Amino acid sequence: MITELVGNSPGVYALYDENELYYVGKSTDLKKRVKHHLRDKHFASWSYFSLYLVRRAEHIGEIESLLIRIANPKGNKIVPKGKSSSEMLKKLKTMVAQKQKDEFTILFGTTAKGKVKKKLKTSHPKTLEGLVSKATLLHKKYKGKEYKAKLTPKGQIKIGNKSYNTPTAAAKTIVKRKAVNGWRFWYIKDLNGEWVKLSDYQG
């Protein structure tokens, strides 16, 4: 349905590998270009995409160039040489900086400068213990690879022969970085048999 609405509109698109921006590109036919990436060298490196329609096609080169220079996606090996407006660049930098600040606050409850923010309310329980009544499968697809774990009634997550007391600790063994929210990383089947984030699970 979305691709029908987009049609052959011009604009800029972004490919994401989980929560990380992987690639930014432009096209005068967004629908055709995204389909192409399902078959080219990038096909196994991204899991979802977003589209940004541009009214005037002559601006898409400038927007693409600005995004790549600021975000530096790992999938873009070459930085476009398109001219960029200093005013547009300034506004885009401000927007990106604010977005990064908001994400930092959500993850750690503080700003990048260390000022303590009011702790955000979370929908998930404080502990995993008792969340399930029997050993239950957890699932995650990360960078094209399937990962599975088991959540026990005692609140432990088992991956192979190792056990973890929190979903974040288990997620870090896969993501290999500090900034990861385990409650939103892992997926579990709800009462309807649908895969939902662990943070949204109602036992």
C-alpha atoms as a PDB file:
ATOM      1  CA  MET A   1       0.000   0.000   0.000  1.00  0.00           C
ATOM      2  CA  ILE A   2       2.809   2.421   0.917  1.00  0.00           C
ATOM      3  CA  THR A   3       4.688   1.819  -2.315  1.00  0.00           C
ATOM      4  CA  GLU A   4       1.486   2.475  -4.257  1.00  0.00           C
ATOM      5  CA  LEU A   5       1.080   5.818  -2.540  1.00  0.00           C
ATOM      6  CA  VAL A   6       4.729   6.719  -3.162  1.00  0.00           C
ATOM      7  CA  GLY A   7       4.574   5.690  -6.809  1.00  0.00           C
ATOM      8  CA  ASN A   8       7.551   6.996  -8.757  1.00  0.00           C
ATOM      9  CA  SER A   9       8.004  10.079  -6.549  1.00  0.00           C
ATOM     10  CA  PRO A  10      11.476  11.667  -6.200  1.00  0.00           C
ATOM     11  CA  GLY A  11      13.154  11.906  -2.825  1.00  0.00           C
ATOM     12  CA  VAL A  12      15.704  10.580  -0.355  1.00  0.00           C
ATOM     13  CA  TYR A  13      15.624   7.185   1.359  1.00  0.00           C
ATOM     14  CA  ALA A  14      17.402   5.631   4.335  1.00  0.00           C
ATOM     15  CA  LEU A  15      18.218   1.965   4.957  1.00  0.00           C
ATOM     16  CA  TYR A  16      18.563   0.832   8.571  1.00  0.00           C
ATOM     17  CA  ASP A  17      20.373  -2.106  10.155  1.00  0.00           C
ATOM     18  CA  GLU A  18      18.224  -2.531  13.267  1.00  0.00           C
ATOM     19  CA  ASN A  19      18.506   0.879  15.006  1.00  0.00           C
ATOM     20  CA  GLU A  20      21.552   2.073  13.078  1.00  0.00           C
ATOM     21  CA  LEU A  21      21.496   4.131   9.894  1.00  0.00           C
ATOM     22  CA  TYR A  22      23.222   1.978   7.274  1.00  0.00           C
ATOM     23  CA  TYR A  23      22.807   3.775   3.938  1.00  0.00           C
ATOM     24  CA  VAL A  24      21.387   7.010   2.500  1.00  0.00           C
ATOM     25  CA  GLY A  25      20.523   7.444  -1.151  1.00  0.00           C
ATOM     26  CA  LYS A  26      18.460   9.513  -3.551  1.00  0.00           C
ATOM     27  CA  SER A  27      16.284   8.657  -6.523  1.00  0.00           C
ATOM     28  CA  THR A  28      13.739  10.180  -8.860  1.00  0.00           C
ATOM     29  CA  ASP A  29      11.848   6.876  -8.494  1.00  0.00           C
ATOM     30  CA  LEU A  30      11.940   5.798  -4.828  1.00  0.00           C
ATOM     31  CA  LYS A  31       9.814   2.692  -5.325  1.00  0.00           C
ATOM     32  CA  LYS A  32      12.114   1.326  -8.029  1.00  0.00           C
ATOM     33  CA  ARG A  33      15.301   2.183  -6.129  1.00  0.00           C
ATOM     34  CA  VAL A  34      14.300   0.452  -2.866  1.00  0.00           C
ATOM     35  CA  LYS A  35      13.300  -2.681  -4.805  1.00  0.00           C
ATOM     36  CA  HIS A  36      16.744  -2.615  -6.435  1.00  0.00           C
ATOM     37  CA  HIS A  37      18.426  -2.754  -3.010  1.00  0.00           C
ATOM     38  CA  LEU A  38      16.659  -6.061  -2.335  1.00  0.00           C
ATOM     39  CA  ARG A  39      18.886  -7.600  -4.998  1.00  0.00           C
ATOM     40  CA  ASP A  40      22.174  -5.675  -4.931  1.00  0.00           C
ATOM     41  CA  LYS A  41      25.217  -5.935  -2.639  1.00  0.00           C
ATOM     42  CA  HIS A  42      23.385  -4.187   0.214  1.00  0.00           C
ATOM     43  CA  PHE A  43      20.449  -6.631   0.412  1.00  0.00           C
ATOM     44  CA  ALA A  44      21.704  -8.541   3.504  1.00  0.00           C
ATOM     45  CA  SER A  45      22.819  -5.427   5.390  1.00  0.00           C
ATOM     46  CA  TRP A  46      19.514  -3.695   6.159  1.00  0.00           C
ATOM     47  CA  SER A  47      16.221  -4.708   7.765  1.00  0.00           C
ATOM     48  CA  TYR A  48      13.889  -1.757   7.145  1.00  0.00           C
ATOM     49  CA  PHE A  49      13.781   1.592   5.358  1.00  0.00           C
ATOM     50  CA  SER A  50      12.234   5.045   5.441  1.00  0.00           C
ATOM     51  CA  LEU A  51      11.308   7.332   2.552  1.00  0.00           C
ATOM     52  CA  TYR A  52      11.345  11.134   2.400  1.00  0.00           C
ATOM     53  CA  LEU A  53       9.464  12.678  -0.497  1.00  0.00           C
ATOM     54  CA  VAL A  54      10.803  15.903  -2.009  1.00  0.00           C
ATOM     55  CA  ARG A  55       8.564  18.237  -3.965  1.00  0.00           C
ATOM     56  CA  ARG A  56      11.314  19.463  -6.269  1.00  0.00           C
ATOM     57  CA  ALA A  57      13.636  16.788  -7.624  1.00  0.00           C
ATOM     58  CA  GLU A  58      16.538  19.238  -8.036  1.00  0.00           C
ATOM     59  CA  HIS A  59      16.915  19.393  -4.229  1.00  0.00           C
ATOM     60  CA  ILE A  60      17.390  15.665  -3.576  1.00  0.00           C
ATOM     61  CA  GLY A  61      21.117  15.689  -4.391  1.00  0.00           C
ATOM     62  CA  GLU A  62      21.767  18.430  -1.857  1.00  0.00           C
ATOM     63  CA  ILE A  63      19.729  16.720   0.860  1.00  0.00           C
ATOM     64  CA  GLU A  64      21.424  13.366   0.252  1.00  0.00           C
ATOM     65  CA  SER A  65      24.872  14.985   0.404  1.00  0.00           C
ATOM     66  CA  LEU A  66      24.126  16.752   3.687  1.00  0.00           C
ATOM     67  CA  LEU A  67      22.799  13.607   5.355  1.00  0.00           C
ATOM     68  CA  ILE A  68      25.784  11.494   4.328  1.00  0.00           C
ATOM     69  CA  ARG A  69      28.322  14.106   5.441  1.00  0.00           C
ATOM     70  CA  ILE A  70      26.716  14.472   8.881  1.00  0.00           C
ATOM     71  CA  ALA A  71      25.617  10.891   9.645  1.00  0.00           C
ATOM     72  CA  ASN A  72      28.437   9.097   7.777  1.00  0.00           C
ATOM     73  CA  PRO A  73      26.496   5.822   7.226  1.00  0.00           C
ATOM     74  CA  LYS A  74      28.788   2.813   6.917  1.00  0.00           C
ATOM     75  CA  GLY A  75      27.086   1.663   3.707  1.00  0.00           C
ATOM     76  CA  ASN A  76      27.996   4.882   1.865  1.00  0.00           C
ATOM     77  CA  LYS A  77      31.569   4.429   0.696  1.00  0.00           C
ATOM     78  CA  ILE A  78      31.590   7.625  -1.388  1.00  0.00           C
ATOM     79  CA  VAL A  79      30.463  11.052  -0.175  1.00  0.00           C
ATOM     80  CA  PRO A  80      28.537  12.948  -2.897  1.00  0.00           C
ATOM     81  CA  LYS A  81      30.116  16.203  -4.078  1.00  0.00           C
ATOM     82  CA  GLY A  82      26.796  18.014  -4.378  1.00  0.00           C
ATOM     83  CA  LYS A  83      26.689  21.675  -3.356  1.00  0.00           C
ATOM     84  CA  SER A  84      25.068  22.348  -0.017  1.00  0.00           C
ATOM     85  CA  SER A  85      23.376  25.406   1.449  1.00  0.00           C
ATOM     86  CA  SER A  86      25.095  26.679   4.607  1.00  0.00           C
ATOM     87  CA  GLU A  87      21.714  27.554   6.150  1.00  0.00           C
ATOM     88  CA  MET A  88      20.298  24.096   5.405  1.00  0.00           C
ATOM     89  CA  LEU A  89      23.448  22.458   6.771  1.00  0.00           C
ATOM     90  CA  LYS A  90      23.184  24.477   9.980  1.00  0.00           C
ATOM     91  CA  LYS A  91      19.540  23.485  10.499  1.00  0.00           C
ATOM     92  CA  LEU A  92      20.244  19.830   9.756  1.00  0.00           C
ATOM     93  CA  LYS A  93      23.141  19.728  12.223  1.00  0.00           C
ATOM     94  CA  THR A  94      20.890  21.193  14.907  1.00  0.00           C
ATOM     95  CA  MET A  95      18.198  18.583  14.218  1.00  0.00           C
ATOM     96  CA  VAL A  96      20.703  15.699  14.297  1.00  0.00           C
ATOM     97  CA  ALA A  97      22.275  16.978  17.532  1.00  0.00           C
ATOM     98  CA  GLN A  98      18.857  17.215  19.211  1.00  0.00           C
ATOM     99  CA  LYS A  99      17.928  13.711  18.050  1.00  0.00           C
ATOM    100  CA  GLN A 100      21.149  12.271  19.483  1.00  0.00           C
ATOM    101  CA  LYS A 101      20.562  14.149  22.754  1.00  0.00           C
ATOM    102  CA  ASP A 102      17.033  12.757  23.050  1.00  0.00           C
ATOM    103  CA  GLU A 103      18.216   9.180  22.403  1.00  0.00           C
ATOM    104  CA  PHE A 104      21.012   9.544  24.996  1.00  0.00           C
ATOM    105  CA  THR A 105      18.484  10.738  27.573  1.00  0.00           C
ATOM    106  CA  ILE A 106      16.147   7.813  26.858  1.00  0.00           C
ATOM    107  CA  LEU A 107      18.969   5.278  27.268  1.00  0.00           C
ATOM    108  CA  PHE A 108      20.732   6.687  30.323  1.00  0.00           C
ATOM    109  CA  GLY A 109      18.430   9.261  31.942  1.00  0.00           C
ATOM    110  CA  THR A 110      21.114  11.954  31.602  1.00  0.00           C
ATOM    111  CA  THR A 111      22.231  14.432  28.952  1.00  0.00           C
ATOM    112  CA  ALA A 112      25.590  14.106  27.210  1.00  0.00           C
ATOM    113  CA  LYS A 113      26.965  16.801  29.601  1.00  0.00           C
ATOM    114  CA  GLY A 114      25.980  14.744  32.633  1.00  0.00           C
ATOM    115  CA  LYS A 115      22.967  16.699  33.899  1.00  0.00           C
ATOM    116  CA  VAL A 116      20.505  14.360  35.532  1.00  0.00           C
ATOM    117  CA  LYS A 117      17.105  14.196  33.882  1.00  0.00           C
ATOM    118  CA  LYS A 118      13.863  12.998  35.408  1.00  0.00           C
ATOM    119  CA  LYS A 119      13.687   9.248  34.984  1.00  0.00           C
ATOM    120  CA  LEU A 120      11.364   8.216  32.194  1.00  0.00           C
ATOM    121  CA  LYS A 121       8.486   5.926  32.964  1.00  0.00           C
ATOM    122  CA  THR A 122       8.783   2.458  31.515  1.00  0.00           C
ATOM    123  CA  SER A 123       6.048   0.000  30.693  1.00  0.00           C
ATOM    124  CA  HIS A 124       8.061  -3.138  31.410  1.00  0.00           C
ATOM    125  CA  PRO A 125       8.299  -4.784  34.868  1.00  0.00           C
ATOM    126  CA  LYS A 126      11.341  -4.270  37.093  1.00  0.00           C
ATOM    127  CA  THR A 127      12.298  -7.935  37.004  1.00  0.00           C
ATOM    128  CA  LEU A 128      12.031 -10.896  34.676  1.00  0.00           C
ATOM    129  CA  GLU A 129      11.149 -13.284  37.487  1.00  0.00           C
ATOM    130  CA  GLY A 130       7.612 -14.609  37.134  1.00  0.00           C
ATOM    131  CA  LEU A 131       7.083 -12.988  33.738  1.00  0.00           C
ATOM    132  CA  VAL A 132       6.572 -16.451  32.213  1.00  0.00           C
ATOM    133  CA  SER A 133       5.279 -19.657  33.793  1.00  0.00           C
ATOM    134  CA  LYS A 134       7.516 -21.963  31.757  1.00  0.00           C
ATOM    135  CA  ALA A 135      10.698 -21.767  29.690  1.00  0.00           C
ATOM    136  CA  THR A 136       9.819 -19.476  26.788  1.00  0.00           C
ATOM    137  CA  LEU A 137      11.639 -18.723  23.543  1.00  0.00           C
ATOM    138  CA  LEU A 138      13.110 -15.272  22.917  1.00  0.00           C
ATOM    139  CA  HIS A 139      14.039 -14.254  19.400  1.00  0.00           C
ATOM    140  CA  LYS A 140      16.037 -11.544  17.656  1.00  0.00           C
ATOM    141  CA  LYS A 141      17.230 -10.966  14.093  1.00  0.00           C
ATOM    142  CA  TYR A 142      20.360  -8.826  14.168  1.00  0.00           C
ATOM    143  CA  LYS A 143      22.534  -7.952  11.172  1.00  0.00           C
ATOM    144  CA  GLY A 144      20.959 -10.676   9.095  1.00  0.00           C
ATOM    145  CA  LYS A 145      21.495 -13.419  11.684  1.00  0.00           C
ATOM    146  CA  GLU A 146      18.892 -15.164  13.831  1.00  0.00           C
ATOM    147  CA  TYR A 147      19.476 -15.327  17.584  1.00  0.00           C
ATOM    148  CA  LYS A 148      17.475 -17.399  20.089  1.00  0.00           C
ATOM    149  CA  ALA A 149      17.409 -17.539  23.864  1.00  0.00           C
ATOM    150  CA  LYS A 150      15.216 -19.005  26.588  1.00  0.00           C
ATOM    151  CA  LEU A 151      13.552 -17.063  29.380  1.00  0.00           C
ATOM    152  CA  THR A 152      12.932 -19.135  32.534  1.00  0.00           C
ATOM    153  CA  PRO A 153      10.233 -18.583  35.194  1.00  0.00           C
ATOM    154  CA  LYS A 154      13.026 -17.597  37.607  1.00  0.00           C
ATOM    155  CA  GLY A 155      13.881 -14.638  35.371  1.00  0.00           C
ATOM    156  CA  GLN A 156      17.055 -15.912  33.751  1.00  0.00           C
ATOM    157  CA  ILE A 157      17.827 -15.662  30.048  1.00  0.00           C
ATOM    158  CA  LYS A 158      19.833 -18.592  28.740  1.00  0.00           C
ATOM    159  CA  ILE A 159      21.928 -18.462  25.585  1.00  0.00           C
ATOM    160  CA  GLY A 160      23.699 -21.751  25.027  1.00  0.00           C
ATOM    161  CA  ASN A 161      25.195 -22.787  28.358  1.00  0.00           C
ATOM    162  CA  LYS A 162      25.335 -19.254  29.781  1.00  0.00           C
ATOM    163  CA  SER A 163      22.690 -17.483  31.875  1.00  0.00           C
ATOM    164  CA  TYR A 164      21.972 -13.774  32.281  1.00  0.00           C
ATOM    165  CA  ASN A 165      19.844 -12.024  34.897  1.00  0.00           C
ATOM    166  CA  THR A 166      18.758  -9.094  32.724  1.00  0.00           C
ATOM    167  CA  PRO A 167      17.694  -8.791  29.071  1.00  0.00           C
ATOM    168  CA  THR A 168      20.277  -6.050  28.538  1.00  0.00           C
ATOM    169  CA  ALA A 169      23.145  -8.251  29.713  1.00  0.00           C
ATOM    170  CA  ALA A 170      22.019 -10.966  27.288  1.00  0.00           C
ATOM    171  CA  ALA A 171      21.650  -8.454  24.444  1.00  0.00           C
ATOM    172  CA  LYS A 172      25.148  -7.021  24.966  1.00  0.00           C
ATOM    173  CA  THR A 173      26.724 -10.409  24.218  1.00  0.00           C
ATOM    174  CA  ILE A 174      25.254 -10.089  20.702  1.00  0.00           C
ATOM    175  CA  VAL A 175      25.413  -6.353  20.012  1.00  0.00           C
ATOM    176  CA  LYS A 176      28.879  -5.933  21.532  1.00  0.00           C
ATOM    177  CA  ARG A 177      28.264  -2.360  22.673  1.00  0.00           C
ATOM    178  CA  LYS A 178      27.200  -0.600  25.885  1.00  0.00           C
ATOM    179  CA  ALA A 179      24.209   1.355  24.558  1.00  0.00           C
ATOM    180  CA  VAL A 180      21.513  -1.269  24.122  1.00  0.00           C
ATOM    181  CA  ASN A 181      18.087  -1.658  25.738  1.00  0.00           C
ATOM    182  CA  GLY A 182      17.544  -5.366  26.299  1.00  0.00           C
ATOM    183  CA  TRP A 183      13.819  -4.954  26.950  1.00  0.00           C
ATOM    184  CA  ARG A 184      13.376  -3.543  23.440  1.00  0.00           C
ATOM    185  CA  PHE A 185      16.011  -5.799  21.872  1.00  0.00           C
ATOM    186  CA  TRP A 186      14.410  -9.186  22.518  1.00  0.00           C
ATOM    187  CA  TYR A 187      11.118 -10.403  21.053  1.00  0.00           C
ATOM    188  CA  ILE A 188       8.693 -12.879  22.637  1.00  0.00           C
ATOM    189  CA  LYS A 189       5.385 -14.376  21.477  1.00  0.00           C
ATOM    190  CA  ASP A 190       2.300 -12.941  23.156  1.00  0.00           C
ATOM    191  CA  LEU A 191      -0.956 -14.763  23.949  1.00  0.00           C
ATOM    192  CA  ASN A 192      -2.049 -14.322  20.328  1.00  0.00           C
ATOM    193  CA  GLY A 193       1.107 -15.928  18.978  1.00  0.00           C
ATOM    194  CA  GLU A 194       2.478 -12.626  17.688  1.00  0.00           C
ATOM    195  CA  TRP A 195       6.106 -11.594  18.194  1.00  0.00           C
ATOM    196  CA  VAL A 196       6.267  -8.493  20.405  1.00  0.00           C
ATOM    197  CA  LYS A 197       9.060  -6.666  22.165  1.00  0.00           C
ATOM    198  CA  LEU A 198       9.811  -7.963  25.641  1.00  0.00           C
ATOM    199  CA  SER A 199       8.973  -4.499  27.003  1.00  0.00           C
ATOM    200  CA  ASP A 200       5.432  -4.818  25.580  1.00  0.00           C
ATOM    201  CA  TYR A 201       4.811  -8.379  26.736  1.00  0.00           C
ATOM    202  CA  GLN A 202       1.881  -8.971  29.058  1.00  0.00           C
ATOM    203  CA  GLY A 203       2.241 -12.398  30.698  1.00  0.00           C
END
